[in-house]
PDB file of N, CA and C in Angstrom:
ATOM      1  N   MET A   1      10.008   4.777  49.890  1.00  0.00           N
ATOM      2  CA  MET A   1      10.276   3.411  49.489  1.00  0.00           C
ATOM      3  C   MET A   1       9.102   2.829  48.694  1.00  0.00           C
ATOM      4  N   ILE A   2       7.891   3.128  49.138  1.00  0.00           N
ATOM      5  CA  ILE A   2       6.706   2.632  48.444  1.00  0.00           C
ATOM      6  C   ILE A   2       6.638   3.222  47.037  1.00  0.00           C
ATOM      7  N   LYS A   3       7.032   4.500  46.901  1.00  0.00           N
ATOM      8  CA  LYS A   3       7.025   5.128  45.578  1.00  0.00           C
ATOM      9  C   LYS A   3       8.012   4.441  44.644  1.00  0.00           C
ATOM     10  N   VAL A   4       9.178   4.073  45.163  1.00  0.00           N
ATOM     11  CA  VAL A   4      10.191   3.407  44.350  1.00  0.00           C
ATOM     12  C   VAL A   4       9.685   2.039  43.895  1.00  0.00           C
ATOM     13  N   ILE A   5       9.066   1.296  44.787  1.00  0.00           N
ATOM     14  CA  ILE A   5       8.526  -0.017  44.433  1.00  0.00           C
ATOM     15  C   ILE A   5       7.403   0.143  43.407  1.00  0.00           C
ATOM     16  N   GLY A   6       6.551   1.134  43.610  1.00  0.00           N
ATOM     17  CA  GLY A   6       5.453   1.388  42.667  1.00  0.00           C
ATOM     18  C   GLY A   6       5.970   1.753  41.290  1.00  0.00           C
ATOM     19  N   LEU A   7       6.967   2.641  41.237  1.00  0.00           N
ATOM     20  CA  LEU A   7       7.545   3.033  39.949  1.00  0.00           C
ATOM     21  C   LEU A   7       8.240   1.856  39.266  1.00  0.00           C
ATOM     22  N   THR A   8       8.925   1.030  40.049  1.00  0.00           N
ATOM     23  CA  THR A   8       9.597  -0.144  39.499  1.00  0.00           C
ATOM     24  C   THR A   8       8.580  -1.116  38.912  1.00  0.00           C
ATOM     25  N   THR A   9       7.480  -1.318  39.616  1.00  0.00           N
ATOM     26  CA  THR A   9       6.425  -2.213  39.127  1.00  0.00           C
ATOM     27  C   THR A   9       5.819  -1.687  37.833  1.00  0.00           C
ATOM     28  N   ILE A  10       5.525  -0.393  37.785  1.00  0.00           N
ATOM     29  CA  ILE A  10       4.963   0.211  36.574  1.00  0.00           C
ATOM     30  C   ILE A  10       5.940   0.075  35.415  1.00  0.00           C
ATOM     31  N   LEU A  11       7.205   0.326  35.676  1.00  0.00           N
ATOM     32  CA  LEU A  11       8.220   0.217  34.637  1.00  0.00           C
ATOM     33  C   LEU A  11       8.326  -1.210  34.113  1.00  0.00           C
ATOM     34  N   MET A  12       8.275  -2.198  35.005  1.00  0.00           N
ATOM     35  CA  MET A  12       8.361  -3.598  34.580  1.00  0.00           C
ATOM     36  C   MET A  12       7.192  -3.968  33.672  1.00  0.00           C
ATOM     37  N   PHE A  13       5.981  -3.555  34.042  1.00  0.00           N
ATOM     38  CA  PHE A  13       4.819  -3.866  33.211  1.00  0.00           C
ATOM     39  C   PHE A  13       4.872  -3.123  31.880  1.00  0.00           C
ATOM     40  N   SER A  14       5.357  -1.907  31.882  1.00  0.00           N
ATOM     41  CA  SER A  14       5.467  -1.137  30.638  1.00  0.00           C
ATOM     42  C   SER A  14       6.457  -1.787  29.686  1.00  0.00           C
ATOM     43  N   VAL A  15       7.594  -2.211  30.206  1.00  0.00           N
ATOM     44  CA  VAL A  15       8.614  -2.841  29.371  1.00  0.00           C
ATOM     45  C   VAL A  15       8.103  -4.159  28.811  1.00  0.00           C
ATOM     46  N   SER A  16       7.427  -4.970  29.625  1.00  0.00           N
ATOM     47  CA  SER A  16       6.933  -6.254  29.118  1.00  0.00           C
ATOM     48  C   SER A  16       5.820  -6.047  28.098  1.00  0.00           C
ATOM     49  N   ALA A  17       4.998  -5.018  28.275  1.00  0.00           N
ATOM     50  CA  ALA A  17       3.950  -4.729  27.290  1.00  0.00           C
ATOM     51  C   ALA A  17       4.570  -4.290  25.975  1.00  0.00           C
ATOM     52  N   MET A  18       5.593  -3.468  26.034  1.00  0.00           N
ATOM     53  CA  MET A  18       6.252  -3.007  24.816  1.00  0.00           C
ATOM     54  C   MET A  18       6.997  -4.150  24.131  1.00  0.00           C
ATOM     55  N   ALA A  19       7.524  -5.083  24.898  1.00  0.00           N
ATOM     56  CA  ALA A  19       8.232  -6.218  24.310  1.00  0.00           C
ATOM     57  C   ALA A  19       7.279  -7.065  23.480  1.00  0.00           C
ATOM     58  N   GLY A  20       6.019  -7.160  23.899  1.00  0.00           N
ATOM     59  CA  GLY A  20       5.033  -7.904  23.128  1.00  0.00           C
ATOM     60  C   GLY A  20       4.689  -7.229  21.822  1.00  0.00           C
ATOM     61  N   LEU A  21       4.839  -5.917  21.742  1.00  0.00           N
ATOM     62  CA  LEU A  21       4.513  -5.183  20.522  1.00  0.00           C
ATOM     63  C   LEU A  21       5.671  -5.141  19.539  1.00  0.00           C
ATOM     64  N   SER A  22       6.867  -5.327  20.057  1.00  0.00           N
ATOM     65  CA  SER A  22       8.016  -5.260  19.156  1.00  0.00           C
ATOM     66  C   SER A  22       8.219  -6.616  18.499  1.00  0.00           C
ATOM     67  N   GLY A  23       9.003  -6.650  17.502  1.00  0.00           N
ATOM     68  CA  GLY A  23       9.280  -7.890  16.808  1.00  0.00           C
ATOM     69  C   GLY A  23       9.863  -7.575  15.456  1.00  0.00           C
ATOM     70  N   ALA A  24      10.371  -8.595  14.846  1.00  0.00           N
ATOM     71  CA  ALA A  24      11.026  -8.393  13.562  1.00  0.00           C
ATOM     72  C   ALA A  24       9.995  -8.190  12.460  1.00  0.00           C
ATOM     73  N   TYR A  25      10.136  -7.106  11.763  1.00  0.00           N
ATOM     74  CA  TYR A  25       9.319  -6.859  10.578  1.00  0.00           C
ATOM     75  C   TYR A  25      10.061  -7.427   9.377  1.00  0.00           C
ATOM     76  N   ASN A  26       9.324  -7.979   8.451  1.00  0.00           N
ATOM     77  CA  ASN A  26       9.899  -8.496   7.210  1.00  0.00           C
ATOM     78  C   ASN A  26       9.486  -7.598   6.059  1.00  0.00           C
ATOM     79  N   SER A  27      10.356  -7.477   5.095  1.00  0.00           N
ATOM     80  CA  SER A  27       9.999  -6.732   3.888  1.00  0.00           C
ATOM     81  C   SER A  27       9.109  -7.604   3.021  1.00  0.00           C
ATOM     82  N   LYS A  28       8.036  -7.029   2.566  1.00  0.00           N
ATOM     83  CA  LYS A  28       7.096  -7.721   1.682  1.00  0.00           C
ATOM     84  C   LYS A  28       7.096  -6.992   0.346  1.00  0.00           C
ATOM     85  N   VAL A  29       7.045  -7.740  -0.721  1.00  0.00           N
ATOM     86  CA  VAL A  29       6.977  -7.171  -2.065  1.00  0.00           C
ATOM     87  C   VAL A  29       5.684  -7.674  -2.691  1.00  0.00           C
ATOM     88  N   SER A  30       4.947  -6.768  -3.297  1.00  0.00           N
ATOM     89  CA  SER A  30       3.675  -7.142  -3.899  1.00  0.00           C
ATOM     90  C   SER A  30       3.443  -6.324  -5.159  1.00  0.00           C
ATOM     91  N   SER A  31       2.428  -6.705  -5.910  1.00  0.00           N
ATOM     92  CA  SER A  31       2.067  -5.945  -7.106  1.00  0.00           C
ATOM     93  C   SER A  31       0.554  -5.930  -7.243  1.00  0.00           C
ATOM     94  N   GLU A  32       0.086  -4.966  -7.989  1.00  0.00           N
ATOM     95  CA  GLU A  32      -1.352  -4.790  -8.151  1.00  0.00           C
ATOM     96  C   GLU A  32      -1.635  -4.134  -9.492  1.00  0.00           C
ATOM     97  N   ARG A  33      -2.795  -4.447 -10.043  1.00  0.00           N
ATOM     98  CA  ARG A  33      -3.287  -3.798 -11.268  1.00  0.00           C
ATOM     99  C   ARG A  33      -4.433  -2.887 -10.874  1.00  0.00           C
ATOM    100  N   ILE A  34      -4.358  -1.644 -11.295  1.00  0.00           N
ATOM    101  CA  ILE A  34      -5.421  -0.680 -11.018  1.00  0.00           C
ATOM    102  C   ILE A  34      -6.034  -0.286 -12.356  1.00  0.00           C
ATOM    103  N   ASN A  35      -7.312  -0.562 -12.511  1.00  0.00           N
ATOM    104  CA  ASN A  35      -8.007  -0.289 -13.770  1.00  0.00           C
ATOM    105  C   ASN A  35      -8.593   1.111 -13.771  1.00  0.00           C
ATOM    106  N   GLY A  36      -8.383   1.814 -14.859  1.00  0.00           N
ATOM    107  CA  GLY A  36      -9.005   3.118 -15.057  1.00  0.00           C
ATOM    108  C   GLY A  36     -10.350   2.957 -15.751  1.00  0.00           C
ATOM    109  N   ASP A  37     -10.981   4.059 -16.050  1.00  0.00           N
ATOM    110  CA  ASP A  37     -12.269   4.044 -16.741  1.00  0.00           C
ATOM    111  C   ASP A  37     -12.048   3.880 -18.240  1.00  0.00           C
ATOM    112  N   ALA A  38     -12.951   3.147 -18.886  1.00  0.00           N
ATOM    113  CA  ALA A  38     -12.888   2.998 -20.339  1.00  0.00           C
ATOM    114  C   ALA A  38     -13.257   4.328 -20.993  1.00  0.00           C
ATOM    115  N   VAL A  39     -12.461   4.713 -21.991  1.00  0.00           N
ATOM    116  CA  VAL A  39     -12.688   5.975 -22.708  1.00  0.00           C
ATOM    117  C   VAL A  39     -12.703   5.704 -24.210  1.00  0.00           C
ATOM    118  N   ALA A  40     -13.082   6.716 -24.985  1.00  0.00           N
ATOM    119  CA  ALA A  40     -13.292   6.541 -26.427  1.00  0.00           C
ATOM    120  C   ALA A  40     -12.010   6.511 -27.251  1.00  0.00           C
ATOM    121  N   SER A  41     -10.918   7.119 -26.761  1.00  0.00           N
ATOM    122  CA  SER A  41      -9.696   7.152 -27.575  1.00  0.00           C
ATOM    123  C   SER A  41      -8.498   6.612 -26.797  1.00  0.00           C
ATOM    124  N   LYS A  42      -7.551   6.094 -27.544  1.00  0.00           N
ATOM    125  CA  LYS A  42      -6.335   5.555 -26.940  1.00  0.00           C
ATOM    126  C   LYS A  42      -5.532   6.665 -26.261  1.00  0.00           C
ATOM    127  N   GLU A  43      -5.498   7.846 -26.879  1.00  0.00           N
ATOM    128  CA  GLU A  43      -4.768   8.981 -26.310  1.00  0.00           C
ATOM    129  C   GLU A  43      -5.356   9.386 -24.958  1.00  0.00           C
ATOM    130  N   ALA A  44      -6.685   9.384 -24.862  1.00  0.00           N
ATOM    131  CA  ALA A  44      -7.336   9.734 -23.592  1.00  0.00           C
ATOM    132  C   ALA A  44      -7.024   8.692 -22.523  1.00  0.00           C
ATOM    133  N   ALA A  45      -6.952   7.423 -22.923  1.00  0.00           N
ATOM    134  CA  ALA A  45      -6.613   6.359 -21.972  1.00  0.00           C
ATOM    135  C   ALA A  45      -5.178   6.519 -21.477  1.00  0.00           C
ATOM    136  N   ILE A  46      -4.269   6.878 -22.388  1.00  0.00           N
ATOM    137  CA  ILE A  46      -2.873   7.090 -21.998  1.00  0.00           C
ATOM    138  C   ILE A  46      -2.769   8.267 -21.032  1.00  0.00           C
ATOM    139  N   GLU A  47      -3.463   9.341 -21.316  1.00  0.00           N
ATOM    140  CA  GLU A  47      -3.441  10.514 -20.426  1.00  0.00           C
ATOM    141  C   GLU A  47      -4.012  10.171 -19.054  1.00  0.00           C
ATOM    142  N   GLN A  48      -5.121   9.412 -19.050  1.00  0.00           N
ATOM    143  CA  GLN A  48      -5.707   8.998 -17.774  1.00  0.00           C
ATOM    144  C   GLN A  48      -4.728   8.120 -16.999  1.00  0.00           C
ATOM    145  N   GLY A  49      -4.035   7.219 -17.704  1.00  0.00           N
ATOM    146  CA  GLY A  49      -3.038   6.363 -17.065  1.00  0.00           C
ATOM    147  C   GLY A  49      -1.880   7.164 -16.492  1.00  0.00           C
ATOM    148  N   LYS A  50      -1.414   8.182 -17.238  1.00  0.00           N
ATOM    149  CA  LYS A  50      -0.342   9.051 -16.727  1.00  0.00           C
ATOM    150  C   LYS A  50      -0.782   9.766 -15.453  1.00  0.00           C
ATOM    151  N   THR A  51      -2.023  10.238 -15.454  1.00  0.00           N
ATOM    152  CA  THR A  51      -2.549  10.917 -14.264  1.00  0.00           C
ATOM    153  C   THR A  51      -2.598   9.955 -13.080  1.00  0.00           C
ATOM    154  N   MET A  52      -3.025   8.722 -13.336  1.00  0.00           N
ATOM    155  CA  MET A  52      -3.070   7.722 -12.268  1.00  0.00           C
ATOM    156  C   MET A  52      -1.672   7.449 -11.721  1.00  0.00           C
ATOM    157  N   LEU A  53      -0.673   7.355 -12.622  1.00  0.00           N
ATOM    158  CA  LEU A  53       0.716   7.150 -12.189  1.00  0.00           C
ATOM    159  C   LEU A  53       1.210   8.307 -11.330  1.00  0.00           C
ATOM    160  N   MET A  54       0.925   9.526 -11.773  1.00  0.00           N
ATOM    161  CA  MET A  54       1.355  10.707 -11.014  1.00  0.00           C
ATOM    162  C   MET A  54       0.686  10.749  -9.642  1.00  0.00           C
ATOM    163  N   ASP A  55      -0.594  10.394  -9.599  1.00  0.00           N
ATOM    164  CA  ASP A  55      -1.297  10.354  -8.317  1.00  0.00           C
ATOM    165  C   ASP A  55      -0.633   9.364  -7.368  1.00  0.00           C
ATOM    166  N   LEU A  56      -0.273   8.184  -7.880  1.00  0.00           N
ATOM    167  CA  LEU A  56       0.406   7.185  -7.047  1.00  0.00           C
ATOM    168  C   LEU A  56       1.757   7.692  -6.563  1.00  0.00           C
ATOM    169  N   SER A  57       2.516   8.302  -7.459  1.00  0.00           N
ATOM    170  CA  SER A  57       3.858   8.752  -7.080  1.00  0.00           C
ATOM    171  C   SER A  57       3.820   9.917  -6.094  1.00  0.00           C
ATOM    172  N   ASN A  58       2.722  10.662  -6.058  1.00  0.00           N
ATOM    173  CA  ASN A  58       2.598  11.784  -5.118  1.00  0.00           C
ATOM    174  C   ASN A  58       1.993  11.388  -3.777  1.00  0.00           C
ATOM    175  N   MET A  59       1.571  10.127  -3.633  1.00  0.00           N
ATOM    176  CA  MET A  59       0.958   9.683  -2.378  1.00  0.00           C
ATOM    177  C   MET A  59       2.012   9.473  -1.301  1.00  0.00           C
ATOM    178  N   SER A  60       1.623   9.774  -0.082  1.00  0.00           N
ATOM    179  CA  SER A  60       2.485   9.478   1.064  1.00  0.00           C
ATOM    180  C   SER A  60       2.419   7.975   1.346  1.00  0.00           C
ATOM    181  N   SER A  61       3.294   7.516   2.196  1.00  0.00           N
ATOM    182  CA  SER A  61       3.301   6.107   2.564  1.00  0.00           C
ATOM    183  C   SER A  61       1.963   5.691   3.175  1.00  0.00           C
ATOM    184  N   THR A  62       1.396   6.542   4.004  1.00  0.00           N
ATOM    185  CA  THR A  62       0.108   6.239   4.633  1.00  0.00           C
ATOM    186  C   THR A  62      -1.000   6.147   3.587  1.00  0.00           C
ATOM    187  N   GLU A  63      -0.983   7.032   2.599  1.00  0.00           N
ATOM    188  CA  GLU A  63      -1.988   6.981   1.531  1.00  0.00           C
ATOM    189  C   GLU A  63      -1.816   5.725   0.679  1.00  0.00           C
ATOM    190  N   LEU A  64      -0.571   5.332   0.418  1.00  0.00           N
ATOM    191  CA  LEU A  64      -0.331   4.091  -0.317  1.00  0.00           C
ATOM    192  C   LEU A  64      -0.867   2.897   0.467  1.00  0.00           C
ATOM    193  N   HIS A  65      -0.682   2.913   1.781  1.00  0.00           N
ATOM    194  CA  HIS A  65      -1.199   1.849   2.642  1.00  0.00           C
ATOM    195  C   HIS A  65      -2.708   1.716   2.492  1.00  0.00           C
ATOM    196  N   GLN A  66      -3.401   2.835   2.379  1.00  0.00           N
ATOM    197  CA  GLN A  66      -4.855   2.816   2.253  1.00  0.00           C
ATOM    198  C   GLN A  66      -5.304   2.432   0.845  1.00  0.00           C
ATOM    199  N   THR A  67      -4.477   2.674  -0.157  1.00  0.00           N
ATOM    200  CA  THR A  67      -4.852   2.448  -1.554  1.00  0.00           C
ATOM    201  C   THR A  67      -4.494   1.049  -2.040  1.00  0.00           C
ATOM    202  N   LEU A  68      -3.321   0.557  -1.669  1.00  0.00           N
ATOM    203  CA  LEU A  68      -2.821  -0.713  -2.180  1.00  0.00           C
ATOM    204  C   LEU A  68      -3.195  -1.862  -1.253  1.00  0.00           C
ATOM    205  N   ARG A  69      -3.317  -3.049  -1.841  1.00  0.00           N
ATOM    206  CA  ARG A  69      -3.724  -4.226  -1.066  1.00  0.00           C
ATOM    207  C   ARG A  69      -2.552  -4.796  -0.263  1.00  0.00           C
ATOM    208  N   HIS A  70      -2.906  -5.337   0.894  1.00  0.00           N
ATOM    209  CA  HIS A  70      -1.967  -6.110   1.696  1.00  0.00           C
ATOM    210  C   HIS A  70      -2.778  -7.076   2.534  1.00  0.00           C
ATOM    211  N   SER A  71      -2.133  -8.104   3.032  1.00  0.00           N
ATOM    212  CA  SER A  71      -2.840  -9.130   3.788  1.00  0.00           C
ATOM    213  C   SER A  71      -3.413  -8.552   5.075  1.00  0.00           C
ATOM    214  N   GLY A  72      -4.636  -8.914   5.369  1.00  0.00           N
ATOM    215  CA  GLY A  72      -5.260  -8.472   6.611  1.00  0.00           C
ATOM    216  C   GLY A  72      -4.733  -9.220   7.816  1.00  0.00           C
ATOM    217  N   ASN A  73      -3.927 -10.257   7.572  1.00  0.00           N
ATOM    218  CA  ASN A  73      -3.385 -11.053   8.662  1.00  0.00           C
ATOM    219  C   ASN A  73      -1.973 -10.606   9.035  1.00  0.00           C
ATOM    220  N   GLU A  74      -1.635  -9.371   8.709  1.00  0.00           N
ATOM    221  CA  GLU A  74      -0.303  -8.844   8.993  1.00  0.00           C
ATOM    222  C   GLU A  74      -0.407  -7.562   9.811  1.00  0.00           C
ATOM    223  N   LEU A  75       0.562  -7.365  10.670  1.00  0.00           N
ATOM    224  CA  LEU A  75       0.734  -6.072  11.330  1.00  0.00           C
ATOM    225  C   LEU A  75       1.644  -5.265  10.421  1.00  0.00           C
ATOM    226  N   VAL A  76       1.106  -4.221   9.844  1.00  0.00           N
ATOM    227  CA  VAL A  76       1.799  -3.481   8.792  1.00  0.00           C
ATOM    228  C   VAL A  76       2.353  -2.175   9.337  1.00  0.00           C
ATOM    229  N   ASP A  77       3.580  -1.860   8.955  1.00  0.00           N
ATOM    230  CA  ASP A  77       4.167  -0.553   9.243  1.00  0.00           C
ATOM    231  C   ASP A  77       3.666   0.400   8.161  1.00  0.00           C
ATOM    232  N   VAL A  78       2.669   1.226   8.499  1.00  0.00           N
ATOM    233  CA  VAL A  78       2.011   2.074   7.493  1.00  0.00           C
ATOM    234  C   VAL A  78       2.949   3.123   6.908  1.00  0.00           C
ATOM    235  N   LYS A  79       4.048   3.397   7.569  1.00  0.00           N
ATOM    236  CA  LYS A  79       4.993   4.396   7.071  1.00  0.00           C
ATOM    237  C   LYS A  79       6.087   3.783   6.201  1.00  0.00           C
ATOM    238  N   SER A  80       5.941   2.498   5.869  1.00  0.00           N
ATOM    239  CA  SER A  80       6.994   1.823   5.106  1.00  0.00           C
ATOM    240  C   SER A  80       6.622   1.563   3.647  1.00  0.00           C
ATOM    241  N   PHE A  81       5.443   1.952   3.215  1.00  0.00           N
ATOM    242  CA  PHE A  81       5.010   1.674   1.843  1.00  0.00           C
ATOM    243  C   PHE A  81       5.770   2.540   0.844  1.00  0.00           C
ATOM    244  N   SER A  82       6.247   1.906  -0.219  1.00  0.00           N
ATOM    245  CA  SER A  82       6.889   2.656  -1.300  1.00  0.00           C
ATOM    246  C   SER A  82       6.684   1.919  -2.619  1.00  0.00           C
ATOM    247  N   VAL A  83       6.491   2.690  -3.669  1.00  0.00           N
ATOM    248  CA  VAL A  83       6.333   2.137  -5.011  1.00  0.00           C
ATOM    249  C   VAL A  83       7.720   1.865  -5.570  1.00  0.00           C
ATOM    250  N   THR A  84       7.938   0.651  -6.060  1.00  0.00           N
ATOM    251  CA  THR A  84       9.243   0.296  -6.615  1.00  0.00           C
ATOM    252  C   THR A  84       9.250   0.334  -8.140  1.00  0.00           C
ATOM    253  N   ASN A  85       8.089   0.118  -8.759  1.00  0.00           N
ATOM    254  CA  ASN A  85       8.007   0.136 -10.215  1.00  0.00           C
ATOM    255  C   ASN A  85       6.547   0.327 -10.614  1.00  0.00           C
ATOM    256  N   SER A  86       6.328   1.035 -11.704  1.00  0.00           N
ATOM    257  CA  SER A  86       4.957   1.201 -12.193  1.00  0.00           C
ATOM    258  C   SER A  86       4.986   1.486 -13.686  1.00  0.00           C
ATOM    259  N   ASN A  87       3.927   1.081 -14.358  1.00  0.00           N
ATOM    260  CA  ASN A  87       3.784   1.365 -15.782  1.00  0.00           C
ATOM    261  C   ASN A  87       2.311   1.344 -16.153  1.00  0.00           C
ATOM    262  N   VAL A  88       2.022   1.858 -17.340  1.00  0.00           N
ATOM    263  CA  VAL A  88       0.651   1.910 -17.839  1.00  0.00           C
ATOM    264  C   VAL A  88       0.555   1.084 -19.111  1.00  0.00           C
ATOM    265  N   THR A  89      -0.473   0.283 -19.188  1.00  0.00           N
ATOM    266  CA  THR A  89      -0.822  -0.382 -20.435  1.00  0.00           C
ATOM    267  C   THR A  89      -2.247   0.030 -20.788  1.00  0.00           C
ATOM    268  N   VAL A  90      -2.578  -0.057 -22.051  1.00  0.00           N
ATOM    269  CA  VAL A  90      -3.929   0.291 -22.498  1.00  0.00           C
ATOM    270  C   VAL A  90      -4.571  -0.964 -23.074  1.00  0.00           C
ATOM    271  N   HIS A  91      -5.729  -1.294 -22.537  1.00  0.00           N
ATOM    272  CA  HIS A  91      -6.477  -2.469 -22.964  1.00  0.00           C
ATOM    273  C   HIS A  91      -7.568  -2.033 -23.935  1.00  0.00           C
ATOM    274  N   GLU A  92      -7.618  -2.655 -25.103  1.00  0.00           N
ATOM    275  CA  GLU A  92      -8.655  -2.337 -26.089  1.00  0.00           C
ATOM    276  C   GLU A  92      -9.881  -3.203 -25.830  1.00  0.00           C
ATOM    277  N   LEU A  93     -11.026  -2.570 -25.773  1.00  0.00           N
ATOM    278  CA  LEU A  93     -12.281  -3.268 -25.513  1.00  0.00           C
ATOM    279  C   LEU A  93     -13.240  -3.050 -26.670  1.00  0.00           C
ATOM    280  N   ILE A  94     -14.013  -4.059 -26.971  1.00  0.00           N
ATOM    281  CA  ILE A  94     -15.092  -3.896 -27.941  1.00  0.00           C
ATOM    282  C   ILE A  94     -16.394  -3.936 -27.155  1.00  0.00           C
ATOM    283  N   THR A  95     -17.118  -2.840 -27.209  1.00  0.00           N
ATOM    284  CA  THR A  95     -18.387  -2.731 -26.495  1.00  0.00           C
ATOM    285  C   THR A  95     -19.523  -2.590 -27.508  1.00  0.00           C
ATOM    286  N   GLU A  96     -20.736  -2.521 -27.008  1.00  0.00           N
ATOM    287  CA  GLU A  96     -21.890  -2.316 -27.884  1.00  0.00           C
ATOM    288  C   GLU A  96     -21.800  -0.979 -28.612  1.00  0.00           C
ATOM    289  N   GLN A  97     -21.117  -0.014 -28.003  1.00  0.00           N
ATOM    290  CA  GLN A  97     -20.963   1.307 -28.615  1.00  0.00           C
ATOM    291  C   GLN A  97     -19.753   1.381 -29.548  1.00  0.00           C
ATOM    292  N   GLY A  98     -18.973   0.340 -29.628  1.00  0.00           N
ATOM    293  CA  GLY A  98     -17.781   0.338 -30.468  1.00  0.00           C
ATOM    294  C   GLY A  98     -16.523   0.109 -29.643  1.00  0.00           C
ATOM    295  N   MET A  99     -15.402   0.619 -30.125  1.00  0.00           N
ATOM    296  CA  MET A  99     -14.121   0.445 -29.433  1.00  0.00           C
ATOM    297  C   MET A  99     -14.031   1.365 -28.223  1.00  0.00           C
ATOM    298  N   ALA A 100     -13.426   0.833 -27.178  1.00  0.00           N
ATOM    299  CA  ALA A 100     -13.137   1.626 -25.983  1.00  0.00           C
ATOM    300  C   ALA A 100     -11.734   1.244 -25.525  1.00  0.00           C
ATOM    301  N   TYR A 101     -11.111   2.127 -24.785  1.00  0.00           N
ATOM    302  CA  TYR A 101      -9.738   1.924 -24.327  1.00  0.00           C
ATOM    303  C   TYR A 101      -9.685   2.147 -22.823  1.00  0.00           C
ATOM    304  N   GLN A 102      -9.073   1.191 -22.129  1.00  0.00           N
ATOM    305  CA  GLN A 102      -9.012   1.263 -20.671  1.00  0.00           C
ATOM    306  C   GLN A 102      -7.555   1.270 -20.216  1.00  0.00           C
ATOM    307  N   PRO A 103      -7.160   2.295 -19.456  1.00  0.00           N
ATOM    308  CA  PRO A 103      -5.797   2.294 -18.919  1.00  0.00           C
ATOM    309  C   PRO A 103      -5.699   1.336 -17.733  1.00  0.00           C
ATOM    310  N   ILE A 104      -4.590   0.649 -17.669  1.00  0.00           N
ATOM    311  CA  ILE A 104      -4.319  -0.249 -16.549  1.00  0.00           C
ATOM    312  C   ILE A 104      -2.948   0.115 -16.001  1.00  0.00           C
ATOM    313  N   VAL A 105      -2.908   0.461 -14.726  1.00  0.00           N
ATOM    314  CA  VAL A 105      -1.645   0.782 -14.061  1.00  0.00           C
ATOM    315  C   VAL A 105      -1.170  -0.470 -13.338  1.00  0.00           C
ATOM    316  N   ASN A 106       0.008  -0.919 -13.682  1.00  0.00           N
ATOM    317  CA  ASN A 106       0.654  -2.037 -12.999  1.00  0.00           C
ATOM    318  C   ASN A 106       1.660  -1.436 -12.027  1.00  0.00           C
ATOM    319  N   VAL A 107       1.490  -1.727 -10.753  1.00  0.00           N
ATOM    320  CA  VAL A 107       2.359  -1.126  -9.739  1.00  0.00           C
ATOM    321  C   VAL A 107       2.961  -2.220  -8.863  1.00  0.00           C
ATOM    322  N   SER A 108       4.263  -2.144  -8.674  1.00  0.00           N
ATOM    323  CA  SER A 108       4.974  -3.006  -7.726  1.00  0.00           C
ATOM    324  C   SER A 108       5.345  -2.137  -6.535  1.00  0.00           C
ATOM    325  N   TYR A 109       5.229  -2.707  -5.345  1.00  0.00           N
ATOM    326  CA  TYR A 109       5.495  -1.924  -4.147  1.00  0.00           C
ATOM    327  C   TYR A 109       6.022  -2.826  -3.043  1.00  0.00           C
ATOM    328  N   GLU A 110       6.616  -2.195  -2.049  1.00  0.00           N
ATOM    329  CA  GLU A 110       7.110  -2.941  -0.898  1.00  0.00           C
ATOM    330  C   GLU A 110       6.691  -2.240   0.380  1.00  0.00           C
ATOM    331  N   TYR A 111       6.634  -3.039   1.439  1.00  0.00           N
ATOM    332  CA  TYR A 111       6.279  -2.516   2.754  1.00  0.00           C
ATOM    333  C   TYR A 111       6.809  -3.481   3.807  1.00  0.00           C
ATOM    334  N   ARG A 112       6.797  -3.038   5.030  1.00  0.00           N
ATOM    335  CA  ARG A 112       7.263  -3.881   6.131  1.00  0.00           C
ATOM    336  C   ARG A 112       6.053  -4.382   6.906  1.00  0.00           C
ATOM    337  N   ALA A 113       6.096  -5.681   7.265  1.00  0.00           N
ATOM    338  CA  ALA A 113       4.982  -6.265   8.009  1.00  0.00           C
ATOM    339  C   ALA A 113       5.476  -7.472   8.791  1.00  0.00           C
ATOM    340  N   ARG A 114       4.671  -7.860   9.745  1.00  0.00           N
ATOM    341  CA  ARG A 114       4.935  -9.113  10.453  1.00  0.00           C
ATOM    342  C   ARG A 114       3.611  -9.821  10.666  1.00  0.00           C
ATOM    343  N   ASP A 115       3.651 -11.142  10.754  1.00  0.00           N
ATOM    344  CA  ASP A 115       2.438 -11.933  10.926  1.00  0.00           C
ATOM    345  C   ASP A 115       1.847 -11.708  12.308  1.00  0.00           C
ATOM    346  N   ARG A 116       0.537 -11.895  12.417  1.00  0.00           N
ATOM    347  CA  ARG A 116      -0.170 -11.681  13.685  1.00  0.00           C
ATOM    348  C   ARG A 116      -0.102 -12.884  14.616  1.00  0.00           C
ATOM    349  N   ASP A 117       0.669 -13.876  14.316  1.00  0.00           N
ATOM    350  CA  ASP A 117       0.716 -15.095  15.143  1.00  0.00           C
ATOM    351  C   ASP A 117       0.817 -14.760  16.547  1.00  0.00           C
TER     352      ASP A 117
END
């Protein structure tokens, strides 16, 4: 009988602890600009941008969570990150050495999170 009461008590505390951790996650949509290194030619900037895009598309959800920004005031589902849209633009810069070209990856992504309230 004591074992049954003990197991029931443990089960009650486990369920109430898990209830505090569960809750409705909301879908969040965000975007970010990732700047590449400035290079001497536009073609090199485009190639660098393509490589950056491929790297993003090959990342797991956990890697995207570590790479992309999200609010620190959210409990984030790290397995829910996904890229929804991405593109590369090339920014022309004038430096002391002359013209330089910088690839910029614009990425839109979504993930699930809930506030820490």
